[in-house]
């Protein structure tokens, strides 16, 4: 997976997490408003139930945020590990290529040296 697609996937996950969080908050507010409008019970009892619902919503939201952060950190660690492996691969490939090129240069230099030595021997004779 290349880094652009990884970044895109990370942005999509962040966007999904924000959508879930926004949905929870909006749903909680709509639910609270509905309770107030259609509650056939006394105000004190309604307020107590509303408070309980808000606390439950807060706890669920906190848990969802915590889970999302854990997932994002995990994905970031995974991407980091993949990038490090790719970087090491590229480094090894570069070293191998350099060694091959140095071997070729060395071989050509040796051949050139032999040619020069051979031409000098023909002149001396």
N, C-alpha and C. Protein backbone atom coordinates (compact mmCIF):
# COMPACT_ATOMS: atom_id res chain seq x y z
N UNK A 1 0.85 -1.18 0.00
CA UNK A 1 0.00 0.00 0.00
C UNK A 1 0.90 1.24 0.00
N UNK A 2 0.69 2.17 -0.93
CA UNK A 2 1.54 3.34 -0.97
C UNK A 2 1.06 4.38 0.03
N UNK A 3 1.91 5.37 0.26
CA UNK A 3 1.61 6.34 1.32
C UNK A 3 0.39 7.19 1.00
N UNK A 4 0.13 7.48 -0.29
CA UNK A 4 -1.05 8.29 -0.63
C UNK A 4 -2.33 7.55 -0.29
N UNK A 5 -2.38 6.26 -0.60
CA UNK A 5 -3.60 5.52 -0.28
C UNK A 5 -3.72 5.32 1.23
N UNK A 6 -2.58 5.23 1.92
CA UNK A 6 -2.63 5.11 3.37
C UNK A 6 -3.14 6.40 4.00
N UNK A 7 -2.67 7.53 3.47
CA UNK A 7 -3.15 8.82 3.98
C UNK A 7 -4.65 8.97 3.73
N UNK A 8 -5.08 8.57 2.54
CA UNK A 8 -6.50 8.65 2.19
C UNK A 8 -7.33 7.77 3.13
N UNK A 9 -6.85 6.57 3.39
CA UNK A 9 -7.57 5.66 4.29
C UNK A 9 -7.62 6.24 5.69
N UNK A 10 -6.52 6.85 6.14
CA UNK A 10 -6.48 7.46 7.47
C UNK A 10 -7.48 8.61 7.56
N UNK A 11 -7.56 9.43 6.50
CA UNK A 11 -8.51 10.54 6.50
C UNK A 11 -9.94 10.02 6.52
N UNK A 12 -10.19 8.94 5.78
CA UNK A 12 -11.53 8.35 5.76
C UNK A 12 -11.91 7.83 7.14
N UNK A 13 -10.98 7.20 7.82
CA UNK A 13 -11.26 6.68 9.16
C UNK A 13 -11.52 7.82 10.13
N UNK A 14 -10.74 8.89 10.03
CA UNK A 14 -10.96 10.05 10.89
C UNK A 14 -12.33 10.65 10.63
N UNK A 15 -12.68 10.73 9.35
CA UNK A 15 -13.98 11.28 8.97
C UNK A 15 -15.12 10.42 9.52
N UNK A 16 -14.94 9.10 9.43
CA UNK A 16 -15.96 8.18 9.95
C UNK A 16 -16.09 8.33 11.46
N UNK A 17 -14.98 8.48 12.16
CA UNK A 17 -15.01 8.64 13.61
C UNK A 17 -15.75 9.93 13.98
N UNK A 18 -15.47 11.00 13.24
CA UNK A 18 -16.16 12.26 13.51
C UNK A 18 -17.66 12.13 13.25
N UNK A 19 -18.00 11.40 12.20
CA UNK A 19 -19.42 11.21 11.87
C UNK A 19 -20.13 10.43 12.98
N UNK A 20 -19.48 9.40 13.49
CA UNK A 20 -20.07 8.60 14.57
C UNK A 20 -20.26 9.46 15.81
N UNK A 21 -19.23 10.23 16.14
CA UNK A 21 -19.30 11.10 17.31
C UNK A 21 -20.41 12.14 17.15
N UNK A 22 -20.48 12.76 15.98
CA UNK A 22 -21.53 13.76 15.73
C UNK A 22 -22.91 13.11 15.80
N UNK A 23 -23.03 11.89 15.27
CA UNK A 23 -24.30 11.18 15.32
C UNK A 23 -24.75 10.90 16.74
N UNK A 24 -23.78 10.49 17.57
CA UNK A 24 -24.11 10.23 18.98
C UNK A 24 -24.60 11.49 19.68
N UNK A 25 -23.89 12.58 19.47
CA UNK A 25 -24.26 13.84 20.14
C UNK A 25 -25.62 14.33 19.64
N UNK A 26 -25.82 14.34 18.34
CA UNK A 26 -27.09 14.80 17.78
C UNK A 26 -28.22 13.89 18.22
N UNK A 27 -27.98 12.59 18.17
CA UNK A 27 -29.01 11.64 18.60
C UNK A 27 -29.38 11.84 20.06
N UNK A 28 -28.38 12.08 20.88
CA UNK A 28 -28.64 12.33 22.30
C UNK A 28 -29.46 13.58 22.52
N UNK A 29 -29.13 14.63 21.80
CA UNK A 29 -29.87 15.88 21.95
C UNK A 29 -31.31 15.74 21.46
N UNK A 30 -31.48 15.06 20.33
CA UNK A 30 -32.83 14.84 19.81
C UNK A 30 -33.64 13.99 20.79
N UNK A 31 -33.00 12.97 21.33
CA UNK A 31 -33.68 12.11 22.30
C UNK A 31 -34.08 12.88 23.55
N UNK A 32 -33.18 13.73 24.02
CA UNK A 32 -33.48 14.53 25.22
C UNK A 32 -34.65 15.49 24.95
N UNK A 33 -34.62 16.11 23.78
CA UNK A 33 -35.71 17.02 23.43
C UNK A 33 -37.03 16.29 23.31
N UNK A 34 -37.00 15.11 22.73
CA UNK A 34 -38.22 14.30 22.58
C UNK A 34 -38.77 13.91 23.95
N UNK A 35 -37.90 13.53 24.84
CA UNK A 35 -38.34 13.17 26.20
C UNK A 35 -39.05 14.35 26.86
N UNK A 36 -38.46 15.53 26.70
CA UNK A 36 -39.07 16.71 27.33
C UNK A 36 -40.44 17.02 26.72
N UNK A 37 -40.57 16.87 25.42
CA UNK A 37 -41.82 17.23 24.76
C UNK A 37 -42.95 16.24 25.04
N UNK A 38 -42.63 14.97 25.12
CA UNK A 38 -43.68 13.96 25.24
C UNK A 38 -43.74 13.28 26.60
N UNK A 39 -43.06 13.83 27.57
CA UNK A 39 -43.04 13.20 28.90
C UNK A 39 -44.35 13.47 29.65
N UNK A 40 -45.07 12.40 30.01
CA UNK A 40 -46.31 12.58 30.76
C UNK A 40 -46.08 12.60 32.28
N UNK A 41 -44.84 12.62 32.69
CA UNK A 41 -44.54 12.56 34.13
C UNK A 41 -44.12 13.94 34.64
N UNK A 42 -44.02 14.07 35.94
CA UNK A 42 -43.64 15.36 36.53
C UNK A 42 -42.24 15.80 36.08
N UNK A 43 -41.99 17.09 36.16
CA UNK A 43 -40.73 17.68 35.71
C UNK A 43 -39.51 17.13 36.41
N UNK A 44 -39.62 16.90 37.73
CA UNK A 44 -38.46 16.39 38.48
C UNK A 44 -38.03 15.04 37.95
N UNK A 45 -38.99 14.18 37.74
CA UNK A 45 -38.69 12.83 37.25
C UNK A 45 -38.11 12.91 35.84
N UNK A 46 -38.68 13.79 35.04
CA UNK A 46 -38.18 13.96 33.66
C UNK A 46 -36.74 14.46 33.68
N UNK A 47 -36.47 15.44 34.55
CA UNK A 47 -35.10 15.96 34.66
C UNK A 47 -34.13 14.88 35.12
N UNK A 48 -34.55 14.05 36.05
CA UNK A 48 -33.69 12.98 36.54
C UNK A 48 -33.39 11.98 35.41
N UNK A 49 -34.42 11.62 34.65
CA UNK A 49 -34.22 10.69 33.53
C UNK A 49 -33.34 11.32 32.45
N UNK A 50 -33.58 12.61 32.21
CA UNK A 50 -32.79 13.32 31.22
C UNK A 50 -31.32 13.37 31.65
N UNK A 51 -31.10 13.65 32.92
CA UNK A 51 -29.72 13.69 33.44
C UNK A 51 -29.07 12.32 33.29
N UNK A 52 -29.81 11.28 33.60
CA UNK A 52 -29.29 9.91 33.48
C UNK A 52 -28.94 9.61 32.01
N UNK A 53 -29.84 10.02 31.12
CA UNK A 53 -29.60 9.80 29.69
C UNK A 53 -28.37 10.56 29.19
N UNK A 54 -28.22 11.79 29.66
CA UNK A 54 -27.07 12.60 29.25
C UNK A 54 -25.78 11.98 29.77
N UNK A 55 -25.79 11.50 30.99
CA UNK A 55 -24.59 10.85 31.56
C UNK A 55 -24.25 9.58 30.79
N UNK A 56 -25.28 8.83 30.44
CA UNK A 56 -25.04 7.60 29.65
C UNK A 56 -24.47 7.96 28.28
N UNK A 57 -25.03 8.99 27.66
CA UNK A 57 -24.54 9.43 26.36
C UNK A 57 -23.08 9.89 26.47
N UNK A 58 -22.78 10.63 27.51
CA UNK A 58 -21.40 11.09 27.72
C UNK A 58 -20.44 9.91 27.84
N UNK A 59 -20.85 8.90 28.62
CA UNK A 59 -20.00 7.72 28.80
C UNK A 59 -19.79 6.97 27.48
N UNK A 60 -20.87 6.80 26.72
CA UNK A 60 -20.76 6.10 25.42
C UNK A 60 -19.88 6.89 24.45
N UNK A 61 -20.06 8.21 24.45
CA UNK A 61 -19.26 9.07 23.57
C UNK A 61 -17.78 8.98 23.94
N UNK A 62 -17.49 9.05 25.23
CA UNK A 62 -16.10 8.95 25.69
C UNK A 62 -15.50 7.61 25.29
N UNK A 63 -16.27 6.56 25.43
CA UNK A 63 -15.79 5.22 25.06
C UNK A 63 -15.55 5.14 23.55
N UNK A 64 -16.46 5.69 22.76
CA UNK A 64 -16.30 5.68 21.31
C UNK A 64 -15.06 6.46 20.89
N UNK A 65 -14.87 7.62 21.49
CA UNK A 65 -13.69 8.43 21.19
C UNK A 65 -12.42 7.67 21.57
N UNK A 66 -12.43 7.05 22.71
CA UNK A 66 -11.26 6.29 23.18
C UNK A 66 -10.96 5.14 22.22
N UNK A 67 -11.99 4.42 21.79
CA UNK A 67 -11.80 3.32 20.83
C UNK A 67 -11.26 3.83 19.50
N UNK A 68 -11.79 4.94 19.05
CA UNK A 68 -11.35 5.52 17.78
C UNK A 68 -9.89 5.94 17.85
N UNK A 69 -9.51 6.57 18.94
CA UNK A 69 -8.11 6.98 19.13
C UNK A 69 -7.20 5.76 19.13
N UNK A 70 -7.62 4.70 19.80
CA UNK A 70 -6.83 3.48 19.83
C UNK A 70 -6.67 2.90 18.43
N UNK A 71 -7.74 2.89 17.66
CA UNK A 71 -7.67 2.38 16.28
C UNK A 71 -6.74 3.23 15.42
N UNK A 72 -6.83 4.54 15.55
CA UNK A 72 -5.99 5.44 14.76
C UNK A 72 -4.52 5.24 15.13
N UNK A 73 -4.23 5.13 16.42
CA UNK A 73 -2.84 4.91 16.86
C UNK A 73 -2.32 3.58 16.33
N UNK A 74 -3.15 2.56 16.38
CA UNK A 74 -2.76 1.25 15.89
C UNK A 74 -2.46 1.30 14.39
N UNK A 75 -3.33 1.96 13.64
CA UNK A 75 -3.13 2.08 12.20
C UNK A 75 -1.87 2.89 11.91
N UNK A 76 -1.63 3.95 12.67
CA UNK A 76 -0.43 4.77 12.47
C UNK A 76 0.83 3.94 12.74
N UNK A 77 0.80 3.13 13.79
CA UNK A 77 1.94 2.26 14.10
C UNK A 77 2.18 1.25 12.97
N UNK A 78 1.09 0.71 12.44
CA UNK A 78 1.19 -0.25 11.34
C UNK A 78 1.80 0.42 10.10
N UNK A 79 1.34 1.61 9.78
CA UNK A 79 1.85 2.34 8.62
C UNK A 79 3.33 2.66 8.83
N UNK A 80 3.69 3.07 10.03
CA UNK A 80 5.08 3.40 10.35
C UNK A 80 5.97 2.17 10.13
N UNK A 81 5.53 1.02 10.60
CA UNK A 81 6.30 -0.21 10.45
C UNK A 81 6.45 -0.57 8.97
N UNK A 82 5.38 -0.42 8.20
CA UNK A 82 5.45 -0.72 6.77
C UNK A 82 6.42 0.22 6.05
N UNK A 83 6.39 1.49 6.41
CA UNK A 83 7.29 2.46 5.79
C UNK A 83 8.73 2.14 6.14
N UNK A 84 9.00 1.76 7.38
CA UNK A 84 10.36 1.40 7.78
C UNK A 84 10.86 0.18 7.01
N UNK A 85 10.00 -0.80 6.82
CA UNK A 85 10.39 -2.00 6.06
C UNK A 85 10.69 -1.63 4.62
N UNK A 86 9.84 -0.79 4.02
CA UNK A 86 10.07 -0.37 2.63
C UNK A 86 11.37 0.42 2.52
N UNK A 87 11.65 1.30 3.48
CA UNK A 87 12.88 2.09 3.46
C UNK A 87 14.10 1.18 3.56
N UNK A 88 14.04 0.17 4.41
CA UNK A 88 15.16 -0.78 4.52
C UNK A 88 15.34 -1.55 3.22
N UNK A 89 14.24 -1.94 2.59
CA UNK A 89 14.28 -2.63 1.30
C UNK A 89 14.99 -1.78 0.25
N UNK A 90 14.59 -0.53 0.18
CA UNK A 90 15.17 0.38 -0.81
C UNK A 90 16.66 0.59 -0.51
N UNK A 91 17.00 0.70 0.75
CA UNK A 91 18.40 0.88 1.14
C UNK A 91 19.23 -0.33 0.72
N UNK A 92 18.71 -1.53 0.94
CA UNK A 92 19.44 -2.74 0.54
C UNK A 92 19.57 -2.82 -0.97
N UNK A 93 18.52 -2.47 -1.68
CA UNK A 93 18.58 -2.48 -3.15
C UNK A 93 19.63 -1.49 -3.65
N UNK A 94 19.68 -0.33 -3.02
CA UNK A 94 20.67 0.68 -3.40
C UNK A 94 22.09 0.19 -3.16
N UNK A 95 22.31 -0.45 -2.02
CA UNK A 95 23.64 -0.99 -1.71
C UNK A 95 24.03 -2.07 -2.70
N UNK A 96 23.09 -2.96 -3.01
CA UNK A 96 23.38 -4.02 -3.98
C UNK A 96 23.73 -3.43 -5.35
N UNK A 97 22.99 -2.42 -5.77
CA UNK A 97 23.25 -1.78 -7.05
C UNK A 97 24.63 -1.11 -7.05
N UNK A 98 24.97 -0.46 -5.96
CA UNK A 98 26.27 0.20 -5.83
C UNK A 98 27.40 -0.81 -5.91
N UNK A 99 27.27 -1.94 -5.22
CA UNK A 99 28.29 -2.98 -5.25
C UNK A 99 28.46 -3.52 -6.68
N UNK A 100 27.36 -3.75 -7.37
CA UNK A 100 27.44 -4.23 -8.76
C UNK A 100 28.15 -3.22 -9.65
N UNK A 101 27.80 -1.95 -9.49
CA UNK A 101 28.43 -0.92 -10.30
C UNK A 101 29.93 -0.82 -9.99
N UNK A 102 30.29 -0.89 -8.73
CA UNK A 102 31.71 -0.85 -8.35
C UNK A 102 32.46 -2.06 -8.92
N UNK A 103 31.82 -3.22 -8.91
CA UNK A 103 32.43 -4.41 -9.51
C UNK A 103 32.66 -4.20 -11.00
N UNK A 104 31.69 -3.62 -11.69
CA UNK A 104 31.84 -3.36 -13.13
C UNK A 104 32.97 -2.37 -13.39
N UNK A 105 33.01 -1.29 -12.62
CA UNK A 105 34.06 -0.29 -12.78
C UNK A 105 35.42 -0.92 -12.52
N UNK A 106 35.51 -1.72 -11.48
CA UNK A 106 36.76 -2.39 -11.14
C UNK A 106 37.19 -3.32 -12.27
N UNK A 107 36.26 -4.07 -12.81
CA UNK A 107 36.55 -5.00 -13.91
C UNK A 107 37.03 -4.23 -15.14
N UNK A 108 36.35 -3.14 -15.48
CA UNK A 108 36.74 -2.33 -16.63
C UNK A 108 38.12 -1.72 -16.39
N UNK A 109 38.39 -1.26 -15.19
CA UNK A 109 39.70 -0.68 -14.86
C UNK A 109 40.80 -1.73 -15.02
N UNK A 110 40.57 -2.94 -14.56
CA UNK A 110 41.55 -4.04 -14.69
C UNK A 110 41.79 -4.35 -16.16
N UNK A 111 40.73 -4.40 -16.95
CA UNK A 111 40.88 -4.67 -18.38
C UNK A 111 41.66 -3.55 -19.05
N UNK A 112 41.36 -2.33 -18.68
CA UNK A 112 42.10 -1.18 -19.24
C UNK A 112 43.56 -1.22 -18.86
N UNK A 113 43.85 -1.60 -17.64
CA UNK A 113 45.23 -1.72 -17.16
C UNK A 113 45.98 -2.77 -17.97
N UNK A 114 45.32 -3.90 -18.23
CA UNK A 114 45.94 -4.97 -19.02
C UNK A 114 46.24 -4.49 -20.44
N UNK A 115 45.30 -3.77 -21.01
CA UNK A 115 45.48 -3.26 -22.37
C UNK A 115 46.66 -2.30 -22.40
N UNK A 116 46.72 -1.40 -21.43
CA UNK A 116 47.83 -0.44 -21.38
C UNK A 116 49.16 -1.16 -21.17
N UNK A 117 49.19 -2.14 -20.30
CA UNK A 117 50.43 -2.88 -20.06
C UNK A 117 50.84 -3.64 -21.33
N UNK A 118 49.87 -4.19 -22.03
CA UNK A 118 50.16 -4.92 -23.27
C UNK A 118 50.71 -4.00 -24.33
N UNK A 119 50.17 -2.78 -24.44
CA UNK A 119 50.66 -1.86 -25.46
C UNK A 119 52.05 -1.33 -25.12
N UNK A 120 52.39 -1.22 -23.85
CA UNK A 120 53.71 -0.79 -23.45
C UNK A 120 54.74 -1.88 -23.72
N UNK A 121 54.36 -3.14 -23.56
CA UNK A 121 55.26 -4.25 -23.80
C UNK A 121 55.59 -4.34 -25.28
N UNK A 122 54.64 -4.03 -26.17
CA UNK A 122 54.86 -4.09 -27.60
C UNK A 122 55.81 -2.97 -28.03
N UNK A 123 55.82 -1.84 -27.37
CA UNK A 123 56.69 -0.71 -27.71
C UNK A 123 58.12 -0.98 -27.29
N UNK A 124 58.30 -1.66 -26.16
CA UNK A 124 59.63 -1.90 -25.61
C UNK A 124 60.38 -2.88 -26.49
N UNK A 125 59.72 -3.82 -27.06
CA UNK A 125 60.35 -4.88 -27.84
C UNK A 125 60.92 -4.41 -29.11
